[in-house]
Amino acid sequence: MVTHRALLACVLAATQLAPETALAADKWFLLARHGECFPIRSLERKFPDLGNVATPESFIQFVQAKGLKVASKAMPVQAGSAMEVHVPERELALVFVTAELCAKAGTR
């Protein structure tokens, strides 16, 4: 059985091999299990009051302001940025990636 972390490593490795397209480097997305990227606002299902959260850092601050525990760590990638964020009380394990990785993986 493939673990979430192993699958994520495969997706990130595969996205680094695809050709790049021009997207803003500072725009963040959520990376799905199969490599698709979704807007951060898709978290509104879990957090209806999400507001203008646009980065992993602002999401972490938002979650902490709600009194929830959050753990995060940067993930090494060749191009762009990726950050893993866990919110155990909401059973969330998220991977935020910059547009460079989404350009390679596909965006929805």
N, C-alpha and C. Protein backbone atom coordinates (compact mmCIF):
# COMPACT_ATOMS: atom_id res chain seq x y z
N MET A 1 0.84 -1.18 0.00
CA MET A 1 0.00 0.00 0.00
C MET A 1 0.89 1.24 0.00
N VAL A 2 0.56 2.19 -0.83
CA VAL A 2 1.34 3.41 -0.95
C VAL A 2 0.89 4.40 0.12
N THR A 3 1.83 4.94 0.86
CA THR A 3 1.50 5.93 1.88
C THR A 3 1.31 7.29 1.25
N HIS A 4 0.65 8.17 1.98
CA HIS A 4 0.41 9.54 1.51
C HIS A 4 1.74 10.23 1.21
N ARG A 5 2.71 10.07 2.09
CA ARG A 5 4.01 10.72 1.92
C ARG A 5 4.74 10.19 0.69
N ALA A 6 4.70 8.86 0.46
CA ALA A 6 5.36 8.27 -0.70
C ALA A 6 4.69 8.73 -1.98
N LEU A 7 3.35 8.79 -1.98
CA LEU A 7 2.63 9.27 -3.15
C LEU A 7 2.96 10.72 -3.43
N LEU A 8 3.03 11.53 -2.39
CA LEU A 8 3.38 12.93 -2.55
C LEU A 8 4.77 13.07 -3.14
N ALA A 9 5.72 12.29 -2.66
CA ALA A 9 7.09 12.34 -3.19
C ALA A 9 7.10 11.99 -4.67
N CYS A 10 6.31 11.00 -5.06
CA CYS A 10 6.24 10.62 -6.49
C CYS A 10 5.64 11.74 -7.32
N VAL A 11 4.57 12.35 -6.81
CA VAL A 11 3.91 13.43 -7.54
C VAL A 11 4.85 14.61 -7.70
N LEU A 12 5.53 14.99 -6.60
CA LEU A 12 6.46 16.12 -6.68
C LEU A 12 7.61 15.82 -7.64
N ALA A 13 8.12 14.60 -7.61
CA ALA A 13 9.20 14.23 -8.52
C ALA A 13 8.72 14.27 -9.97
N ALA A 14 7.53 13.78 -10.23
CA ALA A 14 7.00 13.76 -11.59
C ALA A 14 6.74 15.17 -12.11
N THR A 15 6.26 16.05 -11.23
CA THR A 15 5.97 17.41 -11.68
C THR A 15 7.24 18.17 -12.00
N GLN A 16 8.35 17.78 -11.42
CA GLN A 16 9.60 18.48 -11.68
C GLN A 16 10.19 18.11 -13.03
N LEU A 17 9.68 17.07 -13.68
CA LEU A 17 10.20 16.64 -14.97
C LEU A 17 9.44 17.25 -16.14
N ALA A 18 8.26 17.79 -15.91
CA ALA A 18 7.44 18.34 -16.98
C ALA A 18 7.92 19.74 -17.35
N PRO A 19 7.64 20.20 -18.58
CA PRO A 19 8.06 21.54 -18.99
C PRO A 19 7.35 22.63 -18.20
N GLU A 20 8.02 23.73 -17.96
CA GLU A 20 7.46 24.83 -17.19
C GLU A 20 6.61 25.73 -18.07
N THR A 21 5.61 26.35 -17.47
CA THR A 21 4.86 27.41 -18.13
C THR A 21 4.95 28.64 -17.26
N ALA A 22 4.62 29.79 -17.82
CA ALA A 22 4.77 31.04 -17.09
C ALA A 22 3.57 31.30 -16.20
N LEU A 23 3.74 31.16 -14.89
CA LEU A 23 2.74 31.50 -13.90
C LEU A 23 3.42 32.29 -12.80
N ALA A 24 2.64 33.06 -12.08
CA ALA A 24 3.21 33.86 -10.99
C ALA A 24 3.79 32.94 -9.92
N ALA A 25 5.03 33.17 -9.55
CA ALA A 25 5.73 32.31 -8.60
C ALA A 25 5.20 32.46 -7.18
N ASP A 26 4.56 33.57 -6.87
CA ASP A 26 4.14 33.78 -5.49
C ASP A 26 2.70 33.33 -5.23
N LYS A 27 2.04 32.75 -6.19
CA LYS A 27 0.67 32.26 -5.99
C LYS A 27 0.72 30.83 -5.48
N TRP A 28 -0.04 30.56 -4.43
CA TRP A 28 -0.04 29.24 -3.78
C TRP A 28 -1.32 28.48 -4.11
N PHE A 29 -1.19 27.16 -4.14
CA PHE A 29 -2.30 26.25 -4.40
C PHE A 29 -2.21 25.08 -3.43
N LEU A 30 -3.26 24.25 -3.41
CA LEU A 30 -3.25 23.00 -2.67
C LEU A 30 -2.98 21.87 -3.65
N LEU A 31 -2.06 21.00 -3.30
CA LEU A 31 -1.72 19.86 -4.15
C LEU A 31 -2.57 18.67 -3.72
N ALA A 32 -3.28 18.06 -4.67
CA ALA A 32 -4.12 16.90 -4.39
C ALA A 32 -3.30 15.62 -4.53
N ARG A 33 -3.90 14.52 -4.12
CA ARG A 33 -3.21 13.23 -4.13
C ARG A 33 -2.68 12.82 -5.49
N HIS A 34 -3.41 13.15 -6.54
CA HIS A 34 -3.01 12.70 -7.86
C HIS A 34 -2.28 13.78 -8.64
N GLY A 35 -1.84 14.82 -7.95
CA GLY A 35 -1.01 15.83 -8.57
C GLY A 35 -1.74 17.06 -9.07
N GLU A 36 -3.07 17.08 -8.99
CA GLU A 36 -3.79 18.27 -9.42
C GLU A 36 -3.63 19.37 -8.38
N CYS A 37 -3.71 20.60 -8.84
CA CYS A 37 -3.65 21.75 -7.95
C CYS A 37 -5.01 22.41 -7.89
N PHE A 38 -5.40 22.81 -6.68
CA PHE A 38 -6.67 23.46 -6.46
C PHE A 38 -6.45 24.78 -5.74
N PRO A 39 -7.34 25.75 -5.93
CA PRO A 39 -7.21 27.02 -5.21
C PRO A 39 -7.34 26.79 -3.70
N ILE A 40 -6.66 27.60 -2.93
CA ILE A 40 -6.73 27.51 -1.48
C ILE A 40 -8.16 27.70 -0.99
N ARG A 41 -8.93 28.48 -1.71
CA ARG A 41 -10.31 28.73 -1.28
C ARG A 41 -11.16 27.45 -1.24
N SER A 42 -10.66 26.36 -1.83
CA SER A 42 -11.40 25.09 -1.74
C SER A 42 -11.47 24.60 -0.29
N LEU A 43 -10.67 25.17 0.60
CA LEU A 43 -10.72 24.84 2.03
C LEU A 43 -11.94 25.44 2.71
N GLU A 44 -12.71 26.24 1.99
CA GLU A 44 -13.91 26.84 2.58
C GLU A 44 -14.93 25.79 3.00
N ARG A 45 -14.83 24.58 2.48
CA ARG A 45 -15.72 23.50 2.93
C ARG A 45 -15.46 23.17 4.39
N LYS A 46 -14.19 23.18 4.78
CA LYS A 46 -13.81 22.89 6.17
C LYS A 46 -13.83 24.15 7.03
N PHE A 47 -13.53 25.29 6.42
CA PHE A 47 -13.45 26.56 7.13
C PHE A 47 -14.26 27.61 6.35
N PRO A 48 -15.57 27.70 6.56
CA PRO A 48 -16.40 28.64 5.82
C PRO A 48 -15.96 30.10 5.95
N ASP A 49 -15.30 30.43 7.05
CA ASP A 49 -14.85 31.81 7.29
C ASP A 49 -13.39 32.01 6.88
N LEU A 50 -12.91 31.28 5.90
CA LEU A 50 -11.51 31.30 5.48
C LEU A 50 -11.02 32.69 5.08
N GLY A 51 -11.88 33.47 4.47
CA GLY A 51 -11.50 34.84 4.11
C GLY A 51 -10.45 34.91 3.02
N ASN A 52 -9.47 35.78 3.21
CA ASN A 52 -8.45 36.04 2.19
C ASN A 52 -7.16 35.27 2.39
N VAL A 53 -7.23 34.08 2.93
CA VAL A 53 -6.04 33.26 3.12
C VAL A 53 -5.48 32.92 1.74
N ALA A 54 -4.19 33.25 1.53
CA ALA A 54 -3.60 33.05 0.20
C ALA A 54 -2.24 32.36 0.25
N THR A 55 -1.72 32.12 1.46
CA THR A 55 -0.40 31.50 1.60
C THR A 55 -0.46 30.47 2.73
N PRO A 56 0.51 29.56 2.77
CA PRO A 56 0.51 28.62 3.89
C PRO A 56 0.67 29.34 5.23
N GLU A 57 1.48 30.38 5.25
CA GLU A 57 1.69 31.13 6.49
C GLU A 57 0.40 31.77 6.99
N SER A 58 -0.37 32.37 6.07
CA SER A 58 -1.63 32.99 6.49
C SER A 58 -2.65 31.93 6.90
N PHE A 59 -2.61 30.75 6.29
CA PHE A 59 -3.49 29.65 6.71
C PHE A 59 -3.12 29.20 8.12
N ILE A 60 -1.83 29.07 8.38
CA ILE A 60 -1.36 28.66 9.72
C ILE A 60 -1.82 29.66 10.76
N GLN A 61 -1.67 30.95 10.48
CA GLN A 61 -2.11 31.98 11.42
C GLN A 61 -3.63 31.91 11.63
N PHE A 62 -4.37 31.70 10.55
CA PHE A 62 -5.82 31.58 10.61
C PHE A 62 -6.22 30.42 11.53
N VAL A 63 -5.59 29.27 11.34
CA VAL A 63 -5.91 28.07 12.12
C VAL A 63 -5.53 28.27 13.59
N GLN A 64 -4.36 28.85 13.84
CA GLN A 64 -3.94 29.10 15.22
C GLN A 64 -4.87 30.09 15.92
N ALA A 65 -5.36 31.08 15.17
CA ALA A 65 -6.29 32.04 15.75
C ALA A 65 -7.60 31.38 16.17
N LYS A 66 -7.93 30.26 15.57
CA LYS A 66 -9.12 29.49 15.94
C LYS A 66 -8.85 28.58 17.14
N GLY A 67 -7.61 28.58 17.62
CA GLY A 67 -7.25 27.77 18.76
C GLY A 67 -6.91 26.32 18.41
N LEU A 68 -6.70 26.05 17.14
CA LEU A 68 -6.37 24.70 16.70
C LEU A 68 -4.86 24.53 16.62
N LYS A 69 -4.41 23.32 16.87
CA LYS A 69 -2.98 23.02 16.75
C LYS A 69 -2.65 22.79 15.28
N VAL A 70 -1.48 23.26 14.90
CA VAL A 70 -1.04 23.11 13.51
C VAL A 70 0.45 22.82 13.49
N ALA A 71 0.85 21.95 12.60
CA ALA A 71 2.27 21.64 12.41
C ALA A 71 2.58 21.84 10.93
N SER A 72 3.75 22.40 10.65
CA SER A 72 4.12 22.64 9.26
C SER A 72 5.61 22.43 9.07
N LYS A 73 5.95 22.13 7.83
CA LYS A 73 7.37 22.07 7.48
C LYS A 73 7.52 22.27 5.99
N ALA A 74 8.60 22.96 5.64
CA ALA A 74 8.91 23.19 4.23
C ALA A 74 9.35 21.87 3.61
N MET A 75 9.00 21.68 2.35
CA MET A 75 9.38 20.46 1.64
C MET A 75 10.38 20.85 0.55
N PRO A 76 11.45 20.09 0.41
CA PRO A 76 12.44 20.41 -0.62
C PRO A 76 11.91 20.06 -2.02
N VAL A 77 11.96 21.03 -2.92
CA VAL A 77 11.60 20.83 -4.32
C VAL A 77 12.62 21.57 -5.18
N GLN A 78 12.76 21.15 -6.42
CA GLN A 78 13.77 21.76 -7.30
C GLN A 78 13.35 23.14 -7.78
N ALA A 79 12.07 23.31 -8.03
CA ALA A 79 11.59 24.60 -8.52
C ALA A 79 10.35 24.99 -7.72
N GLY A 80 10.24 26.25 -7.37
CA GLY A 80 9.10 26.70 -6.60
C GLY A 80 9.26 26.37 -5.13
N SER A 81 8.13 26.32 -4.43
CA SER A 81 8.12 26.05 -2.99
C SER A 81 6.97 25.11 -2.66
N ALA A 82 7.16 24.35 -1.59
CA ALA A 82 6.11 23.44 -1.11
C ALA A 82 6.18 23.40 0.41
N MET A 83 5.01 23.36 1.04
CA MET A 83 4.94 23.29 2.49
C MET A 83 3.84 22.33 2.89
N GLU A 84 4.19 21.43 3.80
CA GLU A 84 3.24 20.47 4.35
C GLU A 84 2.65 21.06 5.63
N VAL A 85 1.33 21.02 5.75
CA VAL A 85 0.64 21.59 6.90
C VAL A 85 -0.36 20.56 7.43
N HIS A 86 -0.28 20.27 8.73
CA HIS A 86 -1.18 19.32 9.38
C HIS A 86 -2.02 20.03 10.42
N VAL A 87 -3.33 19.77 10.39
CA VAL A 87 -4.26 20.26 11.41
C VAL A 87 -4.95 19.01 11.95
N PRO A 88 -4.36 18.38 12.97
CA PRO A 88 -4.87 17.10 13.47
C PRO A 88 -6.33 17.13 13.92
N GLU A 89 -6.75 18.20 14.56
CA GLU A 89 -8.11 18.27 15.08
C GLU A 89 -9.17 18.31 13.98
N ARG A 90 -8.77 18.69 12.78
CA ARG A 90 -9.68 18.70 11.63
C ARG A 90 -9.35 17.58 10.65
N GLU A 91 -8.40 16.72 11.05
CA GLU A 91 -7.95 15.61 10.22
C GLU A 91 -7.50 16.08 8.83
N LEU A 92 -6.73 17.16 8.81
CA LEU A 92 -6.23 17.72 7.56
C LEU A 92 -4.73 17.50 7.45
N ALA A 93 -4.32 17.01 6.31
CA ALA A 93 -2.91 16.92 5.93
C ALA A 93 -2.81 17.56 4.56
N LEU A 94 -2.34 18.78 4.53
CA LEU A 94 -2.34 19.58 3.30
C LEU A 94 -0.93 19.78 2.77
N VAL A 95 -0.83 19.94 1.46
CA VAL A 95 0.43 20.33 0.84
C VAL A 95 0.14 21.57 0.00
N PHE A 96 0.76 22.67 0.39
CA PHE A 96 0.67 23.92 -0.36
C PHE A 96 1.86 23.97 -1.31
N VAL A 97 1.61 24.36 -2.56
CA VAL A 97 2.69 24.47 -3.55
C VAL A 97 2.53 25.78 -4.31
N THR A 98 3.65 26.28 -4.79
CA THR A 98 3.59 27.49 -5.61
C THR A 98 3.25 27.12 -7.05
N ALA A 99 2.96 28.14 -7.81
CA ALA A 99 2.46 27.97 -9.17
C ALA A 99 3.40 27.17 -10.06
N GLU A 100 4.70 27.24 -9.81
CA GLU A 100 5.64 26.49 -10.66
C GLU A 100 5.32 25.00 -10.64
N LEU A 101 5.01 24.46 -9.48
CA LEU A 101 4.68 23.04 -9.38
C LEU A 101 3.33 22.74 -10.00
N CYS A 102 2.40 23.68 -9.90
CA CYS A 102 1.08 23.47 -10.50
C CYS A 102 1.16 23.52 -12.02
N ALA A 103 2.01 24.34 -12.53
CA ALA A 103 2.15 24.43 -13.99
C ALA A 103 2.59 23.09 -14.56
N LYS A 104 3.35 22.35 -13.77
CA LYS A 104 3.85 21.06 -14.20
C LYS A 104 2.84 19.95 -13.94
N ALA A 105 2.04 20.11 -12.89
CA ALA A 105 1.12 19.04 -12.48
C ALA A 105 -0.27 19.21 -13.07
N GLY A 106 -0.66 20.43 -13.36
CA GLY A 106 -2.01 20.70 -13.84
C GLY A 106 -2.82 21.40 -12.76
N THR A 107 -3.60 22.39 -13.15
CA THR A 107 -4.39 23.17 -12.20
C THR A 107 -5.85 23.02 -12.54
N ARG A 108 -6.69 22.95 -11.50
CA ARG A 108 -8.15 22.90 -11.72
C ARG A 108 -8.77 24.16 -11.21
